[in-house]
Amino acid sequence: MALKQMETQLKELFQHQKLAVLATMNDTSEPYVSLVAFAAVEELGRLLFLTNRSTRKFRNMLSCRRVSMLIDNRTNQASDFDSALAATAIGRVAEQQGPDKADLLRIFLEKHPELQTFALEPSSALMEIVVERYLLVSRFQEVQQLDLPPLQD
């Protein structure tokens, strides 16, 4: 699959899907997965989600910044074996508290306006995954990899 085609598929998938599965690890290497609302930044290098700072996933991310996120378009039908796409993003996560936070929160809330109250709670954290690599699975077994260049500060 050509690079441009893969980028187009990822952007379309991210535009149409509202939820993703986030995988975190704690300091004892125990995996933990959570369902999260997410938004992608246009250039694909960053994914955003909200979490409460009192959650297990937040504690896990404090102890191990490496995470992965699965975004897919399955319909739970037999046709998924031929037509479903699943993208795994692998990277490092951190709470966004810098000067870009307002712009990133705006991007997130454009996709999820129903989460505005939660987003503005003092206990909520806007998390940003800086994506290093995407794995895109189609037809249940065809795997393509897209390595992203490091983001410039």
C-alpha atoms as a PDB file:
ATOM      1  CA  MET A   1       0.000   0.000   0.000  1.00  0.00           C
ATOM      2  CA  ALA A   2       1.355   3.408  -0.907  1.00  0.00           C
ATOM      3  CA  LEU A   3       2.227   5.823   1.882  1.00  0.00           C
ATOM      4  CA  LYS A   4      -0.340   8.428   0.773  1.00  0.00           C
ATOM      5  CA  GLN A   5      -3.082   5.796   0.598  1.00  0.00           C
ATOM      6  CA  MET A   6      -2.251   4.617   4.119  1.00  0.00           C
ATOM      7  CA  GLU A   7      -2.298   8.191   5.447  1.00  0.00           C
ATOM      8  CA  THR A   8      -5.673   8.760   3.757  1.00  0.00           C
ATOM      9  CA  GLN A   9      -7.108   5.584   5.293  1.00  0.00           C
ATOM     10  CA  LEU A  10      -5.869   6.590   8.744  1.00  0.00           C
ATOM     11  CA  LYS A  11      -7.332  10.107   8.469  1.00  0.00           C
ATOM     12  CA  GLU A  12     -10.705   8.761   7.308  1.00  0.00           C
ATOM     13  CA  LEU A  13     -10.760   6.150  10.069  1.00  0.00           C
ATOM     14  CA  PHE A  14      -9.921   8.751  12.720  1.00  0.00           C
ATOM     15  CA  GLN A  15     -12.508  11.180  11.374  1.00  0.00           C
ATOM     16  CA  HIS A  16     -15.336   8.634  11.539  1.00  0.00           C
ATOM     17  CA  GLN A  17     -14.518   6.842  14.802  1.00  0.00           C
ATOM     18  CA  LYS A  18     -15.159   8.435  18.174  1.00  0.00           C
ATOM     19  CA  LEU A  19     -13.783   5.758  20.504  1.00  0.00           C
ATOM     20  CA  ALA A  20     -10.507   3.918  20.828  1.00  0.00           C
ATOM     21  CA  VAL A  21      -8.934   1.341  23.112  1.00  0.00           C
ATOM     22  CA  LEU A  22      -5.952   2.637  25.080  1.00  0.00           C
ATOM     23  CA  ALA A  23      -3.376   0.161  26.400  1.00  0.00           C
ATOM     24  CA  THR A  24      -1.193   1.188  29.328  1.00  0.00           C
ATOM     25  CA  MET A  25       1.251  -0.641  31.588  1.00  0.00           C
ATOM     26  CA  ASN A  26       2.022  -0.213  35.245  1.00  0.00           C
ATOM     27  CA  ASP A  27       5.389  -0.538  36.923  1.00  0.00           C
ATOM     28  CA  THR A  28       4.877  -4.290  37.369  1.00  0.00           C
ATOM     29  CA  SER A  29       4.337  -4.714  33.603  1.00  0.00           C
ATOM     30  CA  GLU A  30       0.664  -5.550  33.993  1.00  0.00           C
ATOM     31  CA  PRO A  31      -1.254  -4.424  30.887  1.00  0.00           C
ATOM     32  CA  TYR A  32      -4.484  -2.485  31.259  1.00  0.00           C
ATOM     33  CA  VAL A  33      -6.893  -1.394  28.504  1.00  0.00           C
ATOM     34  CA  SER A  34      -9.513   1.340  28.580  1.00  0.00           C
ATOM     35  CA  LEU A  35     -12.118   2.696  26.239  1.00  0.00           C
ATOM     36  CA  VAL A  36     -11.504   6.409  25.563  1.00  0.00           C
ATOM     37  CA  ALA A  37     -12.894   9.151  23.351  1.00  0.00           C
ATOM     38  CA  PHE A  38     -10.086  10.367  21.099  1.00  0.00           C
ATOM     39  CA  ALA A  39      -9.247  12.952  18.485  1.00  0.00           C
ATOM     40  CA  ALA A  40      -6.389  13.063  16.003  1.00  0.00           C
ATOM     41  CA  VAL A  41      -4.371  16.131  15.189  1.00  0.00           C
ATOM     42  CA  GLU A  42      -4.446  16.683  11.412  1.00  0.00           C
ATOM     43  CA  GLU A  43      -0.870  15.633  10.638  1.00  0.00           C
ATOM     44  CA  LEU A  44      -1.388  12.228  12.381  1.00  0.00           C
ATOM     45  CA  GLY A  45       1.589  12.638  14.715  1.00  0.00           C
ATOM     46  CA  ARG A  46      -0.524  13.242  17.799  1.00  0.00           C
ATOM     47  CA  LEU A  47      -3.630  11.684  19.328  1.00  0.00           C
ATOM     48  CA  LEU A  48      -5.619  13.294  22.131  1.00  0.00           C
ATOM     49  CA  PHE A  49      -7.881  11.955  24.860  1.00  0.00           C
ATOM     50  CA  LEU A  50      -9.194  12.964  28.268  1.00  0.00           C
ATOM     51  CA  THR A  51      -8.975  11.089  31.530  1.00  0.00           C
ATOM     52  CA  ASN A  52      -9.594  11.746  35.167  1.00  0.00           C
ATOM     53  CA  ARG A  53      -6.381  11.977  37.189  1.00  0.00           C
ATOM     54  CA  SER A  54      -7.770   9.487  39.733  1.00  0.00           C
ATOM     55  CA  THR A  55      -7.961   6.599  37.237  1.00  0.00           C
ATOM     56  CA  ARG A  56      -5.783   3.534  36.965  1.00  0.00           C
ATOM     57  CA  LYS A  57      -4.861   4.461  33.396  1.00  0.00           C
ATOM     58  CA  PHE A  58      -3.580   7.870  34.557  1.00  0.00           C
ATOM     59  CA  ARG A  59      -1.478   6.252  37.307  1.00  0.00           C
ATOM     60  CA  ASN A  60      -0.156   3.748  34.768  1.00  0.00           C
ATOM     61  CA  MET A  61       0.817   6.540  32.373  1.00  0.00           C
ATOM     62  CA  LEU A  62       2.726   8.286  35.173  1.00  0.00           C
ATOM     63  CA  SER A  63       4.803   5.152  35.750  1.00  0.00           C
ATOM     64  CA  CYS A  64       5.218   4.132  32.082  1.00  0.00           C
ATOM     65  CA  ARG A  65       4.778   6.659  29.279  1.00  0.00           C
ATOM     66  CA  ARG A  66       4.768   4.007  26.518  1.00  0.00           C
ATOM     67  CA  VAL A  67       1.220   3.344  25.316  1.00  0.00           C
ATOM     68  CA  SER A  68      -0.666   2.018  22.350  1.00  0.00           C
ATOM     69  CA  MET A  69      -4.091   2.924  21.057  1.00  0.00           C
ATOM     70  CA  LEU A  70      -6.326   0.814  18.818  1.00  0.00           C
ATOM     71  CA  ILE A  71      -8.842   2.541  16.557  1.00  0.00           C
ATOM     72  CA  ASP A  72     -11.010   0.320  14.369  1.00  0.00           C
ATOM     73  CA  ASN A  73     -14.188   0.363  12.314  1.00  0.00           C
ATOM     74  CA  ARG A  74     -15.590  -3.088  13.058  1.00  0.00           C
ATOM     75  CA  THR A  75     -19.312  -3.622  12.905  1.00  0.00           C
ATOM     76  CA  ASN A  76     -19.372  -7.037  14.589  1.00  0.00           C
ATOM     77  CA  GLN A  77     -20.508  -8.644  11.335  1.00  0.00           C
ATOM     78  CA  ALA A  78     -18.939 -11.448   9.300  1.00  0.00           C
ATOM     79  CA  SER A  79     -18.057  -8.860   6.651  1.00  0.00           C
ATOM     80  CA  ASP A  80     -15.477  -7.416   9.072  1.00  0.00           C
ATOM     81  CA  PHE A  81     -13.065 -10.177   8.078  1.00  0.00           C
ATOM     82  CA  ASP A  82     -12.841  -8.581   4.631  1.00  0.00           C
ATOM     83  CA  SER A  83     -13.607  -4.913   5.225  1.00  0.00           C
ATOM     84  CA  ALA A  84     -12.662  -3.855   8.746  1.00  0.00           C
ATOM     85  CA  LEU A  85      -9.622  -1.661   9.372  1.00  0.00           C
ATOM     86  CA  ALA A  86      -7.712  -1.539  12.644  1.00  0.00           C
ATOM     87  CA  ALA A  87      -4.992   0.996  13.338  1.00  0.00           C
ATOM     88  CA  THR A  88      -2.623   0.656  16.263  1.00  0.00           C
ATOM     89  CA  ALA A  89      -0.751   3.787  17.280  1.00  0.00           C
ATOM     90  CA  ILE A  90       2.393   3.271  19.340  1.00  0.00           C
ATOM     91  CA  GLY A  91       4.089   6.117  21.145  1.00  0.00           C
ATOM     92  CA  ARG A  92       4.658   8.119  24.303  1.00  0.00           C
ATOM     93  CA  VAL A  93       1.992   9.904  26.292  1.00  0.00           C
ATOM     94  CA  ALA A  94       2.065  12.983  28.495  1.00  0.00           C
ATOM     95  CA  GLU A  95      -0.435  15.357  30.012  1.00  0.00           C
ATOM     96  CA  GLN A  96      -0.730  18.459  27.859  1.00  0.00           C
ATOM     97  CA  GLN A  97      -0.266  21.511  30.082  1.00  0.00           C
ATOM     98  CA  GLY A  98       1.770  23.770  27.821  1.00  0.00           C
ATOM     99  CA  PRO A  99       0.902  26.726  25.616  1.00  0.00           C
ATOM    100  CA  ASP A 100      -0.705  24.427  23.003  1.00  0.00           C
ATOM    101  CA  LYS A 101      -3.257  23.043  25.469  1.00  0.00           C
ATOM    102  CA  ALA A 102      -6.086  25.425  24.520  1.00  0.00           C
ATOM    103  CA  ASP A 103      -5.711  24.682  20.793  1.00  0.00           C
ATOM    104  CA  LEU A 104      -5.508  20.927  21.389  1.00  0.00           C
ATOM    105  CA  LEU A 105      -8.521  20.972  23.692  1.00  0.00           C
ATOM    106  CA  ARG A 106     -10.440  22.872  20.993  1.00  0.00           C
ATOM    107  CA  ILE A 107      -9.556  20.111  18.471  1.00  0.00           C
ATOM    108  CA  PHE A 108     -10.724  17.457  20.922  1.00  0.00           C
ATOM    109  CA  LEU A 109     -13.987  19.265  21.762  1.00  0.00           C
ATOM    110  CA  GLU A 110     -14.821  19.898  18.098  1.00  0.00           C
ATOM    111  CA  LYS A 111     -15.085  16.124  17.788  1.00  0.00           C
ATOM    112  CA  HIS A 112     -16.601  15.546  21.242  1.00  0.00           C
ATOM    113  CA  PRO A 113     -18.665  18.608  22.263  1.00  0.00           C
ATOM    114  CA  GLU A 114     -20.660  16.397  24.637  1.00  0.00           C
ATOM    115  CA  LEU A 115     -17.517  16.089  26.806  1.00  0.00           C
ATOM    116  CA  GLN A 116     -17.032  19.819  27.425  1.00  0.00           C
ATOM    117  CA  THR A 117     -18.165  19.664  31.066  1.00  0.00           C
ATOM    118  CA  PHE A 118     -15.814  16.750  31.765  1.00  0.00           C
ATOM    119  CA  ALA A 119     -12.970  18.471  29.890  1.00  0.00           C
ATOM    120  CA  LEU A 120     -13.225  21.574  32.060  1.00  0.00           C
ATOM    121  CA  GLU A 121     -13.279  19.757  35.411  1.00  0.00           C
ATOM    122  CA  PRO A 122     -10.116  20.387  37.470  1.00  0.00           C
ATOM    123  CA  SER A 123      -9.601  16.623  37.859  1.00  0.00           C
ATOM    124  CA  SER A 124      -9.548  16.044  34.081  1.00  0.00           C
ATOM    125  CA  ALA A 125      -6.294  15.752  32.175  1.00  0.00           C
ATOM    126  CA  LEU A 126      -5.856  16.314  28.448  1.00  0.00           C
ATOM    127  CA  MET A 127      -3.456  13.597  27.342  1.00  0.00           C
ATOM    128  CA  GLU A 128      -1.405  13.657  24.167  1.00  0.00           C
ATOM    129  CA  ILE A 129       0.186  10.639  22.523  1.00  0.00           C
ATOM    130  CA  VAL A 130       3.148  11.496  20.335  1.00  0.00           C
ATOM    131  CA  VAL A 131       2.884   8.692  17.790  1.00  0.00           C
ATOM    132  CA  GLU A 132       6.056   6.951  16.659  1.00  0.00           C
ATOM    133  CA  ARG A 133       4.464   4.263  14.519  1.00  0.00           C
ATOM    134  CA  TYR A 134       1.169   3.105  13.101  1.00  0.00           C
ATOM    135  CA  LEU A 135       0.287  -0.471  12.238  1.00  0.00           C
ATOM    136  CA  LEU A 136      -2.702  -0.694   9.921  1.00  0.00           C
ATOM    137  CA  VAL A 137      -4.425  -4.057   9.578  1.00  0.00           C
ATOM    138  CA  SER A 138      -6.870  -4.693   6.750  1.00  0.00           C
ATOM    139  CA  ARG A 139      -8.566  -7.856   5.511  1.00  0.00           C
ATOM    140  CA  PHE A 140      -7.943  -9.290   8.969  1.00  0.00           C
ATOM    141  CA  GLN A 141      -4.271 -10.093   8.257  1.00  0.00           C
ATOM    142  CA  GLU A 142      -2.657  -7.585   5.908  1.00  0.00           C
ATOM    143  CA  VAL A 143      -0.382  -5.418   8.053  1.00  0.00           C
ATOM    144  CA  GLN A 144       1.238  -2.183   6.917  1.00  0.00           C
ATOM    145  CA  GLN A 145       3.586  -0.080   9.015  1.00  0.00           C
ATOM    146  CA  LEU A 146       4.043   3.682   8.970  1.00  0.00           C
ATOM    147  CA  ASP A 147       6.972   5.074  10.961  1.00  0.00           C
ATOM    148  CA  LEU A 148       6.642   8.769  11.745  1.00  0.00           C
ATOM    149  CA  PRO A 149       9.567  11.156  12.024  1.00  0.00           C
ATOM    150  CA  PRO A 150      10.120  12.614  15.502  1.00  0.00           C
ATOM    151  CA  LEU A 151       8.067  15.749  16.152  1.00  0.00           C
ATOM    152  CA  GLN A 152      10.034  18.991  16.266  1.00  0.00           C
ATOM    153  CA  ASP A 153       9.595  21.206  19.342  1.00  0.00           C
END
